[in-house]
Amino acid sequence: MRVGIGTDIHAFGEDRECWVAGLLWPGERGLDGHSDGDVAAHAACNALFTAAGLGDLGANFGVDRPEFRGASGVTLLAEAARLVRAAGFEIGNVSVQVVGVAPRIGKRRAEAEKVLSEAAGAPITLSGATTDGLGFTGRGEGLAAVAVALLTSAPLTPSVGTGLGWPR
């Protein structure tokens, strides 16, 4: 098994739609970025790439790749998952936490988890956290996300006799 950690941070921008965790959040400020600024999807990509030893978001979808300008986070996540599988790994799961005061992730958590999981072809769980007014996220200047991904070089299947349902 391999574990990867990923982060992503974007400032709020002017005249941008707000895309977070694969969802459009009407009435919320959008995030600046080369693509749609979806910190949740981008952090998940970074975690997957790190676990697989494939670099990071910038190395795979950076500003030198004009075909990814304005791309949705879901598109990038699906491509990241494809690259990870092509490198010989299976995705066990990805856990993402969005840090900021808005949008309120809990209101649409199940919907976002479904969209992200479908894009990755693996379970993705999502949570949100505020910073009690501290730092740029607490002041409402932008959003951050942190993700952890678990990969395996063989498909994760239940194992008889472990008591937990997973290989020892």
N, C-alpha and C. Protein backbone atom coordinates (compact mmCIF):
# COMPACT_ATOMS: atom_id res chain seq x y z
N MET A 1 0.85 -1.19 0.00
CA MET A 1 0.00 0.00 0.00
C MET A 1 0.88 1.23 0.00
N ARG A 2 0.36 2.29 -0.60
CA ARG A 2 1.07 3.56 -0.64
C ARG A 2 0.10 4.66 -0.24
N VAL A 3 0.60 5.64 0.49
CA VAL A 3 -0.20 6.76 0.96
C VAL A 3 0.37 8.04 0.38
N GLY A 4 -0.52 8.93 -0.06
CA GLY A 4 -0.09 10.23 -0.56
C GLY A 4 -0.88 11.34 0.09
N ILE A 5 -0.23 12.46 0.31
CA ILE A 5 -0.88 13.65 0.87
C ILE A 5 -0.85 14.73 -0.18
N GLY A 6 -1.96 15.43 -0.33
CA GLY A 6 -2.04 16.52 -1.29
C GLY A 6 -2.71 17.73 -0.69
N THR A 7 -2.28 18.89 -1.13
CA THR A 7 -2.93 20.14 -0.72
C THR A 7 -3.20 20.98 -1.96
N ASP A 8 -4.10 21.93 -1.81
CA ASP A 8 -4.32 22.93 -2.84
C ASP A 8 -4.89 24.16 -2.17
N ILE A 9 -4.50 25.31 -2.68
CA ILE A 9 -4.93 26.59 -2.10
C ILE A 9 -5.19 27.56 -3.24
N HIS A 10 -6.32 28.26 -3.16
CA HIS A 10 -6.64 29.28 -4.15
C HIS A 10 -7.28 30.49 -3.46
N ALA A 11 -6.95 31.66 -3.96
CA ALA A 11 -7.59 32.89 -3.50
C ALA A 11 -8.91 33.07 -4.25
N PHE A 12 -9.85 33.74 -3.61
CA PHE A 12 -11.08 34.08 -4.31
C PHE A 12 -10.77 35.11 -5.37
N GLY A 13 -11.44 35.01 -6.52
CA GLY A 13 -11.22 35.92 -7.63
C GLY A 13 -12.48 36.66 -8.00
N GLU A 14 -12.33 37.54 -8.92
CA GLU A 14 -13.45 38.33 -9.42
C GLU A 14 -14.06 37.65 -10.64
N ASP A 15 -15.38 37.74 -10.74
CA ASP A 15 -16.10 37.25 -11.92
C ASP A 15 -15.79 35.80 -12.28
N ARG A 16 -15.71 34.96 -11.27
CA ARG A 16 -15.50 33.52 -11.48
C ARG A 16 -16.63 32.76 -10.81
N GLU A 17 -17.07 31.68 -11.44
CA GLU A 17 -18.03 30.79 -10.78
C GLU A 17 -17.31 30.02 -9.70
N CYS A 18 -18.03 29.65 -8.65
CA CYS A 18 -17.43 28.90 -7.55
C CYS A 18 -17.65 27.41 -7.77
N TRP A 19 -16.56 26.71 -8.08
CA TRP A 19 -16.57 25.26 -8.22
C TRP A 19 -15.73 24.67 -7.11
N VAL A 20 -16.36 23.90 -6.23
CA VAL A 20 -15.67 23.23 -5.14
C VAL A 20 -16.24 21.82 -5.02
N ALA A 21 -15.36 20.84 -4.93
CA ALA A 21 -15.74 19.43 -4.79
C ALA A 21 -16.62 18.96 -5.94
N GLY A 22 -16.32 19.46 -7.13
CA GLY A 22 -17.04 19.05 -8.32
C GLY A 22 -18.40 19.67 -8.50
N LEU A 23 -18.79 20.59 -7.62
CA LEU A 23 -20.11 21.21 -7.67
C LEU A 23 -20.02 22.71 -7.90
N LEU A 24 -20.99 23.23 -8.62
CA LEU A 24 -21.15 24.68 -8.76
C LEU A 24 -21.90 25.18 -7.54
N TRP A 25 -21.37 26.24 -6.92
CA TRP A 25 -21.97 26.83 -5.72
C TRP A 25 -22.49 28.22 -6.08
N PRO A 26 -23.73 28.31 -6.58
CA PRO A 26 -24.28 29.61 -6.97
C PRO A 26 -24.28 30.61 -5.80
N GLY A 27 -23.96 31.85 -6.11
CA GLY A 27 -23.96 32.89 -5.10
C GLY A 27 -22.69 32.99 -4.28
N GLU A 28 -21.76 32.04 -4.46
CA GLU A 28 -20.47 32.08 -3.75
C GLU A 28 -19.41 32.62 -4.69
N ARG A 29 -18.39 33.27 -4.12
CA ARG A 29 -17.28 33.77 -4.93
C ARG A 29 -16.45 32.61 -5.48
N GLY A 30 -16.01 32.75 -6.72
CA GLY A 30 -15.18 31.72 -7.34
C GLY A 30 -13.72 31.88 -6.99
N LEU A 31 -12.95 30.89 -7.34
CA LEU A 31 -11.53 30.84 -7.01
C LEU A 31 -10.68 31.06 -8.25
N ASP A 32 -9.61 31.84 -8.09
CA ASP A 32 -8.66 32.06 -9.18
C ASP A 32 -7.89 30.78 -9.45
N GLY A 33 -7.45 30.62 -10.69
CA GLY A 33 -6.63 29.47 -11.02
C GLY A 33 -6.55 29.26 -12.51
N HIS A 34 -5.61 28.43 -12.93
CA HIS A 34 -5.44 28.07 -14.34
C HIS A 34 -6.66 27.29 -14.82
N SER A 35 -7.19 26.43 -13.95
CA SER A 35 -8.40 25.69 -14.29
C SER A 35 -9.55 26.33 -13.53
N ASP A 36 -10.45 25.53 -12.98
CA ASP A 36 -11.61 26.10 -12.29
C ASP A 36 -11.34 26.46 -10.83
N GLY A 37 -10.16 26.14 -10.31
CA GLY A 37 -9.82 26.47 -8.93
C GLY A 37 -10.44 25.56 -7.89
N ASP A 38 -10.94 24.40 -8.28
CA ASP A 38 -11.60 23.47 -7.35
C ASP A 38 -10.58 22.86 -6.41
N VAL A 39 -10.42 23.46 -5.23
CA VAL A 39 -9.39 23.03 -4.28
C VAL A 39 -9.57 21.59 -3.84
N ALA A 40 -10.80 21.12 -3.70
CA ALA A 40 -11.04 19.74 -3.24
C ALA A 40 -10.57 18.74 -4.29
N ALA A 41 -10.99 18.94 -5.53
CA ALA A 41 -10.56 18.03 -6.60
C ALA A 41 -9.06 18.11 -6.82
N HIS A 42 -8.50 19.31 -6.75
CA HIS A 42 -7.06 19.47 -6.97
C HIS A 42 -6.24 18.81 -5.87
N ALA A 43 -6.68 18.95 -4.62
CA ALA A 43 -5.97 18.29 -3.51
C ALA A 43 -6.04 16.78 -3.67
N ALA A 44 -7.19 16.26 -4.11
CA ALA A 44 -7.32 14.82 -4.34
C ALA A 44 -6.35 14.38 -5.43
N CYS A 45 -6.24 15.15 -6.51
CA CYS A 45 -5.27 14.84 -7.57
C CYS A 45 -3.85 14.80 -7.01
N ASN A 46 -3.50 15.81 -6.23
CA ASN A 46 -2.15 15.86 -5.67
C ASN A 46 -1.87 14.66 -4.77
N ALA A 47 -2.85 14.24 -3.97
CA ALA A 47 -2.68 13.08 -3.10
C ALA A 47 -2.47 11.81 -3.93
N LEU A 48 -3.26 11.66 -5.00
CA LEU A 48 -3.11 10.49 -5.87
C LEU A 48 -1.74 10.48 -6.54
N PHE A 49 -1.34 11.62 -7.09
CA PHE A 49 -0.04 11.70 -7.76
C PHE A 49 1.10 11.41 -6.79
N THR A 50 1.02 11.96 -5.58
CA THR A 50 2.08 11.76 -4.59
C THR A 50 2.18 10.29 -4.22
N ALA A 51 1.05 9.65 -3.97
CA ALA A 51 1.06 8.23 -3.58
C ALA A 51 1.66 7.36 -4.68
N ALA A 52 1.39 7.71 -5.92
CA ALA A 52 1.87 6.91 -7.05
C ALA A 52 3.28 7.30 -7.51
N GLY A 53 3.82 8.38 -6.94
CA GLY A 53 5.14 8.85 -7.35
C GLY A 53 5.13 9.50 -8.73
N LEU A 54 4.01 10.15 -9.07
CA LEU A 54 3.84 10.75 -10.38
C LEU A 54 3.93 12.28 -10.38
N GLY A 55 4.56 12.84 -9.38
CA GLY A 55 4.71 14.30 -9.33
C GLY A 55 3.53 14.96 -8.64
N ASP A 56 3.05 16.04 -9.23
CA ASP A 56 1.97 16.81 -8.62
C ASP A 56 1.08 17.40 -9.71
N LEU A 57 0.12 18.19 -9.28
CA LEU A 57 -0.85 18.79 -10.20
C LEU A 57 -0.16 19.64 -11.27
N GLY A 58 0.78 20.46 -10.85
CA GLY A 58 1.48 21.34 -11.78
C GLY A 58 2.30 20.57 -12.80
N ALA A 59 2.93 19.49 -12.39
CA ALA A 59 3.73 18.68 -13.30
C ALA A 59 2.86 17.99 -14.35
N ASN A 60 1.64 17.66 -13.98
CA ASN A 60 0.75 16.93 -14.88
C ASN A 60 -0.22 17.81 -15.66
N PHE A 61 -0.69 18.90 -15.03
CA PHE A 61 -1.72 19.74 -15.66
C PHE A 61 -1.38 21.23 -15.57
N GLY A 62 -0.10 21.58 -15.54
CA GLY A 62 0.35 22.94 -15.27
C GLY A 62 0.00 23.97 -16.34
N VAL A 63 0.38 25.20 -16.05
CA VAL A 63 0.07 26.32 -16.94
C VAL A 63 0.74 26.18 -18.30
N ASP A 64 1.74 25.32 -18.42
CA ASP A 64 2.37 25.06 -19.70
C ASP A 64 1.54 24.10 -20.57
N ARG A 65 0.40 23.66 -20.03
CA ARG A 65 -0.50 22.76 -20.76
C ARG A 65 -1.80 23.52 -21.06
N PRO A 66 -1.86 24.27 -22.16
CA PRO A 66 -3.02 25.10 -22.46
C PRO A 66 -4.32 24.32 -22.58
N GLU A 67 -4.24 23.04 -22.88
CA GLU A 67 -5.47 22.25 -22.99
C GLU A 67 -6.20 22.09 -21.66
N PHE A 68 -5.51 22.37 -20.54
CA PHE A 68 -6.15 22.28 -19.24
C PHE A 68 -6.61 23.63 -18.70
N ARG A 69 -6.41 24.71 -19.46
CA ARG A 69 -6.88 26.03 -19.03
C ARG A 69 -8.40 26.00 -18.93
N GLY A 70 -8.90 26.34 -17.76
CA GLY A 70 -10.34 26.36 -17.52
C GLY A 70 -10.96 24.99 -17.30
N ALA A 71 -10.16 23.92 -17.26
CA ALA A 71 -10.69 22.57 -17.08
C ALA A 71 -11.35 22.42 -15.72
N SER A 72 -12.35 21.58 -15.67
CA SER A 72 -13.04 21.34 -14.40
C SER A 72 -12.18 20.43 -13.52
N GLY A 73 -12.32 20.62 -12.22
CA GLY A 73 -11.62 19.76 -11.27
C GLY A 73 -11.99 18.31 -11.44
N VAL A 74 -13.23 18.04 -11.81
CA VAL A 74 -13.69 16.67 -12.03
C VAL A 74 -12.97 16.05 -13.22
N THR A 75 -12.76 16.82 -14.27
CA THR A 75 -12.01 16.35 -15.44
C THR A 75 -10.58 16.02 -15.04
N LEU A 76 -9.95 16.89 -14.27
CA LEU A 76 -8.58 16.65 -13.82
C LEU A 76 -8.51 15.44 -12.91
N LEU A 77 -9.48 15.28 -12.02
CA LEU A 77 -9.50 14.13 -11.12
C LEU A 77 -9.65 12.82 -11.89
N ALA A 78 -10.53 12.80 -12.87
CA ALA A 78 -10.71 11.59 -13.67
C ALA A 78 -9.41 11.24 -14.41
N GLU A 79 -8.73 12.25 -14.94
CA GLU A 79 -7.47 12.02 -15.65
C GLU A 79 -6.38 11.59 -14.68
N ALA A 80 -6.34 12.18 -13.48
CA ALA A 80 -5.35 11.77 -12.48
C ALA A 80 -5.56 10.31 -12.10
N ALA A 81 -6.81 9.91 -11.90
CA ALA A 81 -7.12 8.52 -11.56
C ALA A 81 -6.69 7.58 -12.69
N ARG A 82 -6.90 8.00 -13.93
CA ARG A 82 -6.50 7.19 -15.07
C ARG A 82 -4.98 7.01 -15.10
N LEU A 83 -4.24 8.10 -14.86
CA LEU A 83 -2.78 8.04 -14.85
C LEU A 83 -2.26 7.14 -13.73
N VAL A 84 -2.89 7.23 -12.56
CA VAL A 84 -2.49 6.39 -11.42
C VAL A 84 -2.71 4.92 -11.75
N ARG A 85 -3.85 4.61 -12.34
CA ARG A 85 -4.12 3.21 -12.72
C ARG A 85 -3.17 2.74 -13.81
N ALA A 86 -2.85 3.63 -14.76
CA ALA A 86 -1.91 3.27 -15.83
C ALA A 86 -0.52 2.98 -15.26
N ALA A 87 -0.21 3.57 -14.12
CA ALA A 87 1.08 3.34 -13.46
C ALA A 87 1.07 2.05 -12.63
N GLY A 88 -0.06 1.33 -12.64
CA GLY A 88 -0.11 0.03 -11.97
C GLY A 88 -0.72 0.02 -10.59
N PHE A 89 -1.46 1.06 -10.23
CA PHE A 89 -2.05 1.13 -8.90
C PHE A 89 -3.57 1.09 -8.96
N GLU A 90 -4.17 0.63 -7.88
CA GLU A 90 -5.61 0.73 -7.66
C GLU A 90 -5.82 1.77 -6.56
N ILE A 91 -6.92 2.50 -6.64
CA ILE A 91 -7.23 3.52 -5.64
C ILE A 91 -8.13 2.89 -4.58
N GLY A 92 -7.63 2.89 -3.34
CA GLY A 92 -8.43 2.38 -2.22
C GLY A 92 -9.48 3.41 -1.83
N ASN A 93 -9.03 4.60 -1.50
CA ASN A 93 -9.93 5.71 -1.19
C ASN A 93 -9.14 7.00 -1.11
N VAL A 94 -9.87 8.10 -1.12
CA VAL A 94 -9.29 9.44 -0.95
C VAL A 94 -10.18 10.17 0.06
N SER A 95 -9.56 10.84 1.00
CA SER A 95 -10.28 11.66 1.97
C SER A 95 -9.83 13.10 1.79
N VAL A 96 -10.80 14.02 1.68
CA VAL A 96 -10.49 15.43 1.42
C VAL A 96 -11.15 16.30 2.47
N GLN A 97 -10.42 17.26 2.99
CA GLN A 97 -10.99 18.26 3.88
C GLN A 97 -10.77 19.65 3.28
N VAL A 98 -11.88 20.38 3.10
CA VAL A 98 -11.85 21.75 2.59
C VAL A 98 -11.81 22.68 3.79
N VAL A 99 -10.90 23.65 3.77
CA VAL A 99 -10.73 24.58 4.88
C VAL A 99 -11.11 25.98 4.42
N GLY A 100 -12.12 26.55 5.05
CA GLY A 100 -12.58 27.90 4.73
C GLY A 100 -13.97 28.14 5.29
N VAL A 101 -14.41 29.37 5.20
CA VAL A 101 -15.71 29.73 5.78
C VAL A 101 -16.87 29.54 4.80
N ALA A 102 -16.60 29.56 3.51
CA ALA A 102 -17.66 29.37 2.53
C ALA A 102 -17.03 28.85 1.24
N PRO A 103 -17.71 27.97 0.54
CA PRO A 103 -19.06 27.48 0.80
C PRO A 103 -19.09 26.46 1.94
N ARG A 104 -20.26 26.26 2.49
CA ARG A 104 -20.45 25.32 3.61
C ARG A 104 -20.58 23.90 3.06
N ILE A 105 -19.53 23.14 3.15
CA ILE A 105 -19.43 21.81 2.55
C ILE A 105 -20.51 20.87 3.06
N GLY A 106 -20.81 20.93 4.34
CA GLY A 106 -21.77 20.01 4.94
C GLY A 106 -23.14 20.03 4.29
N LYS A 107 -23.52 21.16 3.72
CA LYS A 107 -24.84 21.28 3.09
C LYS A 107 -24.99 20.40 1.86
N ARG A 108 -23.87 20.09 1.20
CA ARG A 108 -23.93 19.33 -0.05
C ARG A 108 -22.92 18.18 -0.07
N ARG A 109 -22.53 17.73 1.12
CA ARG A 109 -21.48 16.71 1.25
C ARG A 109 -21.79 15.45 0.42
N ALA A 110 -22.97 14.87 0.59
CA ALA A 110 -23.30 13.62 -0.10
C ALA A 110 -23.25 13.80 -1.61
N GLU A 111 -23.79 14.90 -2.10
CA GLU A 111 -23.78 15.18 -3.53
C GLU A 111 -22.34 15.31 -4.05
N ALA A 112 -21.50 16.02 -3.31
CA ALA A 112 -20.11 16.22 -3.71
C ALA A 112 -19.34 14.90 -3.68
N GLU A 113 -19.54 14.10 -2.65
CA GLU A 113 -18.86 12.82 -2.56
C GLU A 113 -19.22 11.93 -3.74
N LYS A 114 -20.47 11.96 -4.15
CA LYS A 114 -20.92 11.15 -5.29
C LYS A 114 -20.22 11.60 -6.57
N VAL A 115 -20.18 12.91 -6.81
CA VAL A 115 -19.55 13.45 -8.03
C VAL A 115 -18.05 13.14 -8.05
N LEU A 116 -17.37 13.37 -6.94
CA LEU A 116 -15.93 13.12 -6.88
C LEU A 116 -15.62 11.63 -7.00
N SER A 117 -16.38 10.79 -6.32
CA SER A 117 -16.17 9.34 -6.37
C SER A 117 -16.37 8.80 -7.78
N GLU A 118 -17.39 9.29 -8.46
CA GLU A 118 -17.63 8.86 -9.85
C GLU A 118 -16.47 9.27 -10.75
N ALA A 119 -15.95 10.46 -10.55
CA ALA A 119 -14.83 10.93 -11.37
C ALA A 119 -13.59 10.07 -11.15
N ALA A 120 -13.31 9.73 -9.91
CA ALA A 120 -12.11 8.95 -9.59
C ALA A 120 -12.31 7.45 -9.78
N GLY A 121 -13.56 7.01 -9.81
CA GLY A 121 -13.82 5.58 -9.88
C GLY A 121 -13.44 4.87 -8.61
N ALA A 122 -13.52 5.59 -7.49
CA ALA A 122 -13.14 5.07 -6.18
C ALA A 122 -13.80 5.93 -5.11
N PRO A 123 -13.92 5.42 -3.89
CA PRO A 123 -14.56 6.20 -2.83
C PRO A 123 -13.77 7.46 -2.46
N ILE A 124 -14.47 8.57 -2.44
CA ILE A 124 -13.90 9.83 -1.94
C ILE A 124 -14.84 10.37 -0.88
N THR A 125 -14.28 10.63 0.29
CA THR A 125 -15.04 11.24 1.37
C THR A 125 -14.60 12.68 1.53
N LEU A 126 -15.50 13.49 2.05
CA LEU A 126 -15.29 14.93 2.10
C LEU A 126 -15.72 15.48 3.44
N SER A 127 -14.97 16.42 3.94
CA SER A 127 -15.37 17.15 5.14
C SER A 127 -14.97 18.61 4.97
N GLY A 128 -15.52 19.44 5.82
CA GLY A 128 -15.20 20.86 5.80
C GLY A 128 -14.77 21.32 7.17
N ALA A 129 -13.95 22.34 7.22
CA ALA A 129 -13.51 22.91 8.49
C ALA A 129 -13.32 24.41 8.32
N THR A 130 -13.66 25.13 9.36
CA THR A 130 -13.35 26.56 9.38
C THR A 130 -12.10 26.74 10.24
N THR A 131 -11.58 27.93 10.26
CA THR A 131 -10.38 28.19 11.06
C THR A 131 -10.66 29.23 12.14
N ASP A 132 -11.92 29.31 12.56
CA ASP A 132 -12.30 30.24 13.63
C ASP A 132 -11.80 31.65 13.39
N GLY A 133 -11.86 32.09 12.13
CA GLY A 133 -11.47 33.45 11.79
C GLY A 133 -9.98 33.67 11.64
N LEU A 134 -9.18 32.62 11.76
CA LEU A 134 -7.73 32.76 11.69
C LEU A 134 -7.22 32.57 10.26
N GLY A 135 -6.19 33.29 9.90
CA GLY A 135 -5.54 33.13 8.61
C GLY A 135 -6.38 33.57 7.43
N PHE A 136 -5.83 33.38 6.21
CA PHE A 136 -6.52 33.84 5.01
C PHE A 136 -7.84 33.11 4.81
N THR A 137 -7.91 31.83 5.19
CA THR A 137 -9.18 31.10 5.03
C THR A 137 -10.22 31.61 6.02
N GLY A 138 -9.79 31.91 7.22
CA GLY A 138 -10.71 32.43 8.23
C GLY A 138 -11.21 33.83 7.92
N ARG A 139 -10.40 34.60 7.21
CA ARG A 139 -10.80 35.95 6.81
C ARG A 139 -11.62 35.95 5.52
N GLY A 140 -11.83 34.77 4.94
CA GLY A 140 -12.62 34.66 3.72
C GLY A 140 -11.90 35.15 2.47
N GLU A 141 -10.58 35.02 2.45
CA GLU A 141 -9.80 35.46 1.30
C GLU A 141 -9.57 34.33 0.29
N GLY A 142 -9.84 33.10 0.68
CA GLY A 142 -9.63 31.97 -0.21
C GLY A 142 -9.98 30.67 0.48
N LEU A 143 -9.69 29.57 -0.20
CA LEU A 143 -9.95 28.24 0.33
C LEU A 143 -8.69 27.39 0.22
N ALA A 144 -8.59 26.43 1.11
CA ALA A 144 -7.52 25.43 1.06
C ALA A 144 -8.18 24.06 1.18
N ALA A 145 -7.47 23.05 0.74
CA ALA A 145 -7.93 21.67 0.93
C ALA A 145 -6.72 20.78 1.15
N VAL A 146 -6.93 19.76 1.96
CA VAL A 146 -5.92 18.76 2.26
C VAL A 146 -6.54 17.41 1.96
N ALA A 147 -5.78 16.53 1.31
CA ALA A 147 -6.30 15.21 0.96
C ALA A 147 -5.27 14.13 1.27
N VAL A 148 -5.79 12.94 1.53
CA VAL A 148 -4.96 11.75 1.73
C VAL A 148 -5.52 10.67 0.82
N ALA A 149 -4.63 10.01 0.09
CA ALA A 149 -5.05 8.92 -0.80
C ALA A 149 -4.34 7.64 -0.41
N LEU A 150 -5.06 6.54 -0.53
CA LEU A 150 -4.51 5.22 -0.28
C LEU A 150 -4.54 4.44 -1.60
N LEU A 151 -3.37 3.97 -2.02
CA LEU A 151 -3.26 3.18 -3.24
C LEU A 151 -2.71 1.81 -2.89
N THR A 152 -3.00 0.87 -3.75
CA THR A 152 -2.43 -0.46 -3.62
C THR A 152 -1.99 -0.92 -5.00
N SER A 153 -0.98 -1.78 -5.04
CA SER A 153 -0.52 -2.29 -6.32
C SER A 153 -1.33 -3.49 -6.77
N ALA A 154 -2.21 -3.98 -5.90
CA ALA A 154 -3.13 -5.06 -6.24
C ALA A 154 -4.52 -4.63 -5.82
N PRO A 155 -5.54 -5.12 -6.48
CA PRO A 155 -6.90 -4.73 -6.10
C PRO A 155 -7.18 -5.02 -4.62
N LEU A 156 -7.83 -4.09 -3.94
CA LEU A 156 -8.23 -4.30 -2.56
C LEU A 156 -9.41 -5.26 -2.54
N THR A 157 -9.21 -6.43 -1.97
CA THR A 157 -10.29 -7.40 -1.86
C THR A 157 -10.34 -7.92 -0.45
N PRO A 158 -11.51 -8.29 0.02
CA PRO A 158 -11.61 -8.85 1.38
C PRO A 158 -10.73 -10.09 1.52
N SER A 159 -10.14 -10.22 2.68
CA SER A 159 -9.29 -11.36 2.98
C SER A 159 -9.92 -12.19 4.07
N VAL A 160 -9.99 -13.48 3.90
CA VAL A 160 -10.58 -14.37 4.88
C VAL A 160 -9.64 -14.50 6.06
N GLY A 161 -10.18 -14.42 7.27
CA GLY A 161 -9.40 -14.69 8.46
C GLY A 161 -8.75 -13.51 9.13
N THR A 162 -8.82 -12.31 8.55
CA THR A 162 -8.18 -11.16 9.20
C THR A 162 -9.10 -10.52 10.22
N GLY A 163 -10.38 -10.78 10.11
CA GLY A 163 -11.34 -10.16 11.02
C GLY A 163 -11.73 -8.76 10.60
N LEU A 164 -10.96 -8.13 9.74
CA LEU A 164 -11.26 -6.77 9.30
C LEU A 164 -11.75 -6.72 7.87
N GLY A 165 -11.61 -7.83 7.16
CA GLY A 165 -12.06 -7.85 5.78
C GLY A 165 -11.03 -7.34 4.79
N TRP A 166 -9.81 -6.99 5.25
CA TRP A 166 -8.77 -6.49 4.35
C TRP A 166 -7.51 -7.30 4.56
N PRO A 167 -6.67 -7.37 3.56
CA PRO A 167 -5.41 -8.13 3.72
C PRO A 167 -4.60 -7.61 4.88
N ARG A 168 -3.83 -8.52 5.47
CA ARG A 168 -2.96 -8.15 6.60
C ARG A 168 -1.80 -7.33 6.13
